Amino acid sequence: EDGKEIALIRQSYGHGNFVNVAGYIK
């Protein structure tokens, strides 16, 4: 909410790097 932190995810598939939330537009 204060813009000082960002949540990154590590996907259960893929290369194991932290990434941003992303997804396809339906």
PDB file of all heavy atoms in Angstrom:
ATOM      1  N   GLU A   1       0.813  -1.215   0.000  1.00  0.00           N
ATOM      2  CA  GLU A   1       0.000   0.000   0.000  1.00  0.00           C
ATOM      3  C   GLU A   1       0.847   1.266   0.000  1.00  0.00           C
ATOM      4  O   GLU A   1       0.501   2.249  -0.651  1.00  0.00           O
ATOM      5  CB  GLU A   1      -0.929   0.009   1.217  1.00  0.00           C
ATOM      6  CG  GLU A   1      -2.009  -1.061   1.137  1.00  0.00           C
ATOM      7  CD  GLU A   1      -2.815  -1.176   2.418  1.00  0.00           C
ATOM      8  OE1 GLU A   1      -3.608  -0.252   2.702  1.00  0.00           O
ATOM      9  OE2 GLU A   1      -2.656  -2.188   3.118  1.00  0.00           O
ATOM     10  N   ASP A   2       1.974   1.253   0.710  1.00  0.00           N
ATOM     11  CA  ASP A   2       2.833   2.435   0.784  1.00  0.00           C
ATOM     12  C   ASP A   2       3.831   2.508  -0.373  1.00  0.00           C
ATOM     13  O   ASP A   2       4.580   3.469  -0.500  1.00  0.00           O
ATOM     14  CB  ASP A   2       3.565   2.514   2.126  1.00  0.00           C
ATOM     15  CG  ASP A   2       4.532   1.357   2.365  1.00  0.00           C
ATOM     16  OD1 ASP A   2       4.772   0.535   1.453  1.00  0.00           O
ATOM     17  OD2 ASP A   2       5.044   1.273   3.499  1.00  0.00           O
ATOM     18  N   GLY A   3       3.867   1.488  -1.225  1.00  0.00           N
ATOM     19  CA  GLY A   3       4.741   1.482  -2.394  1.00  0.00           C
ATOM     20  C   GLY A   3       6.200   1.220  -2.100  1.00  0.00           C
ATOM     21  O   GLY A   3       7.038   1.348  -2.983  1.00  0.00           O
ATOM     22  N   LYS A   4       6.539   0.816  -0.871  1.00  0.00           N
ATOM     23  CA  LYS A   4       7.943   0.617  -0.497  1.00  0.00           C
ATOM     24  C   LYS A   4       8.413  -0.823  -0.662  1.00  0.00           C
ATOM     25  O   LYS A   4       9.602  -1.091  -0.611  1.00  0.00           O
ATOM     26  CB  LYS A   4       8.165   1.067   0.944  1.00  0.00           C
ATOM     27  CG  LYS A   4       7.984   2.557   1.118  1.00  0.00           C
ATOM     28  CD  LYS A   4       8.237   2.984   2.532  1.00  0.00           C
ATOM     29  CE  LYS A   4       8.037   4.497   2.658  1.00  0.00           C
ATOM     30  NZ  LYS A   4       8.236   4.946   4.029  1.00  0.00           N
ATOM     31  N   GLU A   5       7.460  -1.740  -0.865  1.00  0.00           N
ATOM     32  CA  GLU A   5       7.812  -3.154  -1.048  1.00  0.00           C
ATOM     33  C   GLU A   5       7.094  -3.701  -2.270  1.00  0.00           C
ATOM     34  O   GLU A   5       6.060  -3.176  -2.679  1.00  0.00           O
ATOM     35  CB  GLU A   5       7.413  -3.976   0.177  1.00  0.00           C
ATOM     36  CG  GLU A   5       8.167  -3.645   1.443  1.00  0.00           C
ATOM     37  CD  GLU A   5       7.673  -4.489   2.595  1.00  0.00           C
ATOM     38  OE1 GLU A   5       6.514  -4.281   3.021  1.00  0.00           O
ATOM     39  OE2 GLU A   5       8.433  -5.369   3.046  1.00  0.00           O
ATOM     40  N   ILE A   6       7.664  -4.774  -2.803  1.00  0.00           N
ATOM     41  CA  ILE A   6       7.058  -5.459  -3.943  1.00  0.00           C
ATOM     42  C   ILE A   6       7.036  -6.954  -3.651  1.00  0.00           C
ATOM     43  O   ILE A   6       8.008  -7.519  -3.144  1.00  0.00           O
ATOM     44  CB  ILE A   6       7.824  -5.149  -5.250  1.00  0.00           C
ATOM     45  CG1 ILE A   6       7.184  -5.860  -6.452  1.00  0.00           C
ATOM     46  CG2 ILE A   6       9.290  -5.483  -5.133  1.00  0.00           C
ATOM     47  CD1 ILE A   6       7.778  -5.476  -7.792  1.00  0.00           C
ATOM     48  N   ALA A   7       5.910  -7.578  -3.969  1.00  0.00           N
ATOM     49  CA  ALA A   7       5.791  -9.029  -3.824  1.00  0.00           C
ATOM     50  C   ALA A   7       6.259  -9.675  -5.120  1.00  0.00           C
ATOM     51  O   ALA A   7       5.789  -9.332  -6.205  1.00  0.00           O
ATOM     52  CB  ALA A   7       4.349  -9.424  -3.523  1.00  0.00           C
ATOM     53  N   LEU A   8       7.207 -10.594  -4.996  1.00  0.00           N
ATOM     54  CA  LEU A   8       7.657 -11.396  -6.131  1.00  0.00           C
ATOM     55  C   LEU A   8       7.312 -12.844  -5.852  1.00  0.00           C
ATOM     56  O   LEU A   8       7.211 -13.250  -4.690  1.00  0.00           O
ATOM     57  CB  LEU A   8       9.171 -11.250  -6.336  1.00  0.00           C
ATOM     58  CG  LEU A   8       9.690  -9.851  -6.644  1.00  0.00           C
ATOM     59  CD1 LEU A   8      11.208  -9.865  -6.767  1.00  0.00           C
ATOM     60  CD2 LEU A   8       9.065  -9.300  -7.915  1.00  0.00           C
ATOM     61  N   ILE A   9       7.139 -13.602  -6.908  1.00  0.00           N
ATOM     62  CA  ILE A   9       6.790 -15.018  -6.750  1.00  0.00           C
ATOM     63  C   ILE A   9       7.839 -15.897  -7.416  1.00  0.00           C
ATOM     64  O   ILE A   9       8.543 -15.478  -8.331  1.00  0.00           O
ATOM     65  CB  ILE A   9       5.394 -15.335  -7.343  1.00  0.00           C
ATOM     66  CG1 ILE A   9       5.355 -15.082  -8.861  1.00  0.00           C
ATOM     67  CG2 ILE A   9       4.308 -14.551  -6.616  1.00  0.00           C
ATOM     68  CD1 ILE A   9       4.107 -15.580  -9.552  1.00  0.00           C
ATOM     69  N   ARG A  10       7.898 -17.109  -6.920  1.00  0.00           N
ATOM     70  CA  ARG A  10       8.677 -18.167  -7.562  1.00  0.00           C
ATOM     71  C   ARG A  10       7.640 -19.197  -7.999  1.00  0.00           C
ATOM     72  O   ARG A  10       6.872 -19.696  -7.180  1.00  0.00           O
ATOM     73  CB  ARG A  10       9.670 -18.769  -6.572  1.00  0.00           C
ATOM     74  CG  ARG A  10      10.736 -19.606  -7.216  1.00  0.00           C
ATOM     75  CD  ARG A  10      11.663 -20.292  -6.212  1.00  0.00           C
ATOM     76  NE  ARG A  10      12.169 -19.468  -5.145  1.00  0.00           N
ATOM     77  CZ  ARG A  10      13.359 -18.869  -5.133  1.00  0.00           C
ATOM     78  NH1 ARG A  10      14.148 -18.981  -6.178  1.00  0.00           N
ATOM     79  NH2 ARG A  10      13.758 -18.172  -4.093  1.00  0.00           N
ATOM     80  N   GLN A  11       7.607 -19.461  -9.290  1.00  0.00           N
ATOM     81  CA  GLN A  11       6.598 -20.372  -9.822  1.00  0.00           C
ATOM     82  C   GLN A  11       6.940 -21.825  -9.494  1.00  0.00           C
ATOM     83  O   GLN A  11       8.103 -22.165  -9.298  1.00  0.00           O
ATOM     84  CB  GLN A  11       6.460 -20.180 -11.330  1.00  0.00           C
ATOM     85  CG  GLN A  11       5.942 -18.797 -11.661  1.00  0.00           C
ATOM     86  CD  GLN A  11       6.039 -18.460 -13.130  1.00  0.00           C
ATOM     87  OE1 GLN A  11       7.041 -18.741 -13.770  1.00  0.00           O
ATOM     88  NE2 GLN A  11       5.001 -17.833 -13.652  1.00  0.00           N
ATOM     89  N   SER A  12       5.911 -22.666  -9.451  1.00  0.00           N
ATOM     90  CA  SER A  12       6.121 -24.081  -9.149  1.00  0.00           C
ATOM     91  C   SER A  12       6.676 -24.832 -10.357  1.00  0.00           C
ATOM     92  O   SER A  12       7.055 -25.984 -10.245  1.00  0.00           O
ATOM     93  CB  SER A  12       4.807 -24.720  -8.682  1.00  0.00           C
ATOM     94  OG  SER A  12       3.801 -24.542  -9.663  1.00  0.00           O
ATOM     95  N   TYR A  13       6.732 -24.183 -11.486  1.00  0.00           N
ATOM     96  CA  TYR A  13       7.341 -24.719 -12.702  1.00  0.00           C
ATOM     97  C   TYR A  13       8.339 -23.679 -13.191  1.00  0.00           C
ATOM     98  O   TYR A  13       8.348 -22.556 -12.725  1.00  0.00           O
ATOM     99  CB  TYR A  13       6.271 -24.976 -13.770  1.00  0.00           C
ATOM    100  CG  TYR A  13       5.450 -23.755 -14.085  1.00  0.00           C
ATOM    101  CD1 TYR A  13       5.852 -22.850 -15.056  1.00  0.00           C
ATOM    102  CD2 TYR A  13       4.272 -23.471 -13.384  1.00  0.00           C
ATOM    103  CE1 TYR A  13       5.116 -21.715 -15.334  1.00  0.00           C
ATOM    104  CE2 TYR A  13       3.529 -22.334 -13.653  1.00  0.00           C
ATOM    105  CZ  TYR A  13       3.956 -21.472 -14.623  1.00  0.00           C
ATOM    106  OH  TYR A  13       3.228 -20.339 -14.900  1.00  0.00           O
ATOM    107  N   GLY A  14       9.169 -24.006 -14.100  1.00  0.00           N
ATOM    108  CA  GLY A  14      10.095 -23.016 -14.650  1.00  0.00           C
ATOM    109  C   GLY A  14      11.483 -23.112 -14.048  1.00  0.00           C
ATOM    110  O   GLY A  14      11.889 -24.162 -13.548  1.00  0.00           O
ATOM    111  N   HIS A  15      12.178 -21.985 -14.054  1.00  0.00           N
ATOM    112  CA  HIS A  15      13.599 -21.960 -13.712  1.00  0.00           C
ATOM    113  C   HIS A  15      13.891 -21.681 -12.250  1.00  0.00           C
ATOM    114  O   HIS A  15      15.030 -21.697 -11.838  1.00  0.00           O
ATOM    115  CB  HIS A  15      14.319 -20.916 -14.578  1.00  0.00           C
ATOM    116  CG  HIS A  15      14.219 -21.227 -16.031  1.00  0.00           C
ATOM    117  ND1 HIS A  15      13.307 -20.616 -16.853  1.00  0.00           N
ATOM    118  CD2 HIS A  15      14.900 -22.110 -16.801  1.00  0.00           C
ATOM    119  CE1 HIS A  15      13.439 -21.095 -18.082  1.00  0.00           C
ATOM    120  NE2 HIS A  15      14.393 -21.999 -18.086  1.00  0.00           N
ATOM    121  N   GLY A  16      12.883 -21.368 -11.449  1.00  0.00           N
ATOM    122  CA  GLY A  16      13.112 -21.124 -10.031  1.00  0.00           C
ATOM    123  C   GLY A  16      13.497 -19.703  -9.684  1.00  0.00           C
ATOM    124  O   GLY A  16      13.765 -19.400  -8.534  1.00  0.00           O
ATOM    125  N   ASN A  17      13.528 -18.798 -10.669  1.00  0.00           N
ATOM    126  CA  ASN A  17      13.828 -17.388 -10.401  1.00  0.00           C
ATOM    127  C   ASN A  17      12.586 -16.701  -9.842  1.00  0.00           C
ATOM    128  O   ASN A  17      11.455 -17.099 -10.131  1.00  0.00           O
ATOM    129  CB  ASN A  17      14.222 -16.657 -11.686  1.00  0.00           C
ATOM    130  CG  ASN A  17      15.469 -17.225 -12.318  1.00  0.00           C
ATOM    131  OD1 ASN A  17      16.364 -17.686 -11.630  1.00  0.00           O
ATOM    132  ND2 ASN A  17      15.527 -17.193 -13.635  1.00  0.00           N
ATOM    133  N   PHE A  18      12.794 -15.635  -9.075  1.00  0.00           N
ATOM    134  CA  PHE A  18      11.666 -14.809  -8.668  1.00  0.00           C
ATOM    135  C   PHE A  18      11.221 -13.983  -9.865  1.00  0.00           C
ATOM    136  O   PHE A  18      12.044 -13.498 -10.648  1.00  0.00           O
ATOM    137  CB  PHE A  18      12.050 -13.892  -7.497  1.00  0.00           C
ATOM    138  CG  PHE A  18      11.935 -14.556  -6.164  1.00  0.00           C
ATOM    139  CD1 PHE A  18      13.050 -15.047  -5.524  1.00  0.00           C
ATOM    140  CD2 PHE A  18      10.698 -14.699  -5.550  1.00  0.00           C
ATOM    141  CE1 PHE A  18      12.953 -15.669  -4.292  1.00  0.00           C
ATOM    142  CE2 PHE A  18      10.583 -15.311  -4.312  1.00  0.00           C
ATOM    143  CZ  PHE A  18      11.714 -15.797  -3.679  1.00  0.00           C
ATOM    144  N   VAL A  19       9.912 -13.829 -10.007  1.00  0.00           N
ATOM    145  CA  VAL A  19       9.316 -13.101 -11.135  1.00  0.00           C
ATOM    146  C   VAL A  19       8.119 -12.301 -10.614  1.00  0.00           C
ATOM    147  O   VAL A  19       7.716 -12.431  -9.460  1.00  0.00           O
ATOM    148  CB  VAL A  19       8.851 -14.066 -12.255  1.00  0.00           C
ATOM    149  CG1 VAL A  19      10.025 -14.807 -12.873  1.00  0.00           C
ATOM    150  CG2 VAL A  19       7.804 -15.049 -11.755  1.00  0.00           C
ATOM    151  N   ASN A  20       7.539 -11.512 -11.495  1.00  0.00           N
ATOM    152  CA  ASN A  20       6.306 -10.785 -11.185  1.00  0.00           C
ATOM    153  C   ASN A  20       5.113 -11.684 -11.469  1.00  0.00           C
ATOM    154  O   ASN A  20       5.189 -12.607 -12.290  1.00  0.00           O
ATOM    155  CB  ASN A  20       6.181  -9.534 -12.057  1.00  0.00           C
ATOM    156  CG  ASN A  20       7.183  -8.475 -11.708  1.00  0.00           C
ATOM    157  OD1 ASN A  20       7.894  -8.569 -10.718  1.00  0.00           O
ATOM    158  ND2 ASN A  20       7.247  -7.444 -12.523  1.00  0.00           N
ATOM    159  N   VAL A  21       3.998 -11.373 -10.838  1.00  0.00           N
ATOM    160  CA  VAL A  21       2.736 -12.019 -11.201  1.00  0.00           C
ATOM    161  C   VAL A  21       2.427 -11.615 -12.638  1.00  0.00           C
ATOM    162  O   VAL A  21       2.571 -10.446 -13.012  1.00  0.00           O
ATOM    163  CB  VAL A  21       1.594 -11.587 -10.251  1.00  0.00           C
ATOM    164  CG1 VAL A  21       0.242 -12.042 -10.777  1.00  0.00           C
ATOM    165  CG2 VAL A  21       1.835 -12.126  -8.842  1.00  0.00           C
ATOM    166  N   ALA A  22       2.013 -12.574 -13.446  1.00  0.00           N
ATOM    167  CA  ALA A  22       1.676 -12.304 -14.846  1.00  0.00           C
ATOM    168  C   ALA A  22       0.626 -13.311 -15.292  1.00  0.00           C
ATOM    169  O   ALA A  22       0.461 -14.361 -14.655  1.00  0.00           O
ATOM    170  CB  ALA A  22       2.915 -12.408 -15.729  1.00  0.00           C
ATOM    171  N   GLY A  23      -0.065 -13.001 -16.363  1.00  0.00           N
ATOM    172  CA  GLY A  23      -1.051 -13.940 -16.881  1.00  0.00           C
ATOM    173  C   GLY A  23      -1.654 -13.466 -18.181  1.00  0.00           C
ATOM    174  O   GLY A  23      -1.584 -12.277 -18.527  1.00  0.00           O
ATOM    175  N   TYR A  24      -2.256 -14.397 -18.892  1.00  0.00           N
ATOM    176  CA  TYR A  24      -2.859 -14.124 -20.193  1.00  0.00           C
ATOM    177  C   TYR A  24      -4.219 -13.466 -20.050  1.00  0.00           C
ATOM    178  O   TYR A  24      -4.990 -13.801 -19.145  1.00  0.00           O
ATOM    179  CB  TYR A  24      -3.016 -15.422 -20.999  1.00  0.00           C
ATOM    180  CG  TYR A  24      -1.696 -15.961 -21.464  1.00  0.00           C
ATOM    181  CD1 TYR A  24      -1.026 -16.936 -20.739  1.00  0.00           C
ATOM    182  CD2 TYR A  24      -1.102 -15.470 -22.617  1.00  0.00           C
ATOM    183  CE1 TYR A  24       0.203 -17.419 -21.155  1.00  0.00           C
ATOM    184  CE2 TYR A  24       0.132 -15.941 -23.048  1.00  0.00           C
ATOM    185  CZ  TYR A  24       0.773 -16.915 -22.309  1.00  0.00           C
ATOM    186  OH  TYR A  24       1.995 -17.375 -22.717  1.00  0.00           O
ATOM    187  N   ILE A  25      -4.500 -12.557 -20.963  1.00  0.00           N
ATOM    188  CA  ILE A  25      -5.817 -11.926 -21.023  1.00  0.00           C
ATOM    189  C   ILE A  25      -6.754 -12.895 -21.730  1.00  0.00           C
ATOM    190  O   ILE A  25      -6.473 -13.338 -22.847  1.00  0.00           O
ATOM    191  CB  ILE A  25      -5.753 -10.574 -21.762  1.00  0.00           C
ATOM    192  CG1 ILE A  25      -4.827  -9.612 -21.000  1.00  0.00           C
ATOM    193  CG2 ILE A  25      -7.150  -9.984 -21.923  1.00  0.00           C
ATOM    194  CD1 ILE A  25      -4.612  -8.281 -21.694  1.00  0.00           C
ATOM    195  N   LYS A  26      -7.852 -13.225 -21.069  1.00  0.00           N
ATOM    196  CA  LYS A  26      -8.841 -14.122 -21.658  1.00  0.00           C
ATOM    197  C   LYS A  26      -9.731 -13.333 -22.621  1.00  0.00           C
ATOM    198  O   LYS A  26      -9.900 -12.123 -22.455  1.00  0.00           O
ATOM    199  CB  LYS A  26      -9.698 -14.759 -20.559  1.00  0.00           C
ATOM    200  CG  LYS A  26      -8.917 -15.703 -19.673  1.00  0.00           C
ATOM    201  CD  LYS A  26      -9.803 -16.314 -18.614  1.00  0.00           C
ATOM    202  CE  LYS A  26      -9.005 -17.275 -17.742  1.00  0.00           C
ATOM    203  NZ  LYS A  26      -9.827 -17.852 -16.684  1.00  0.00           N
TER     204      LYS A  26
END
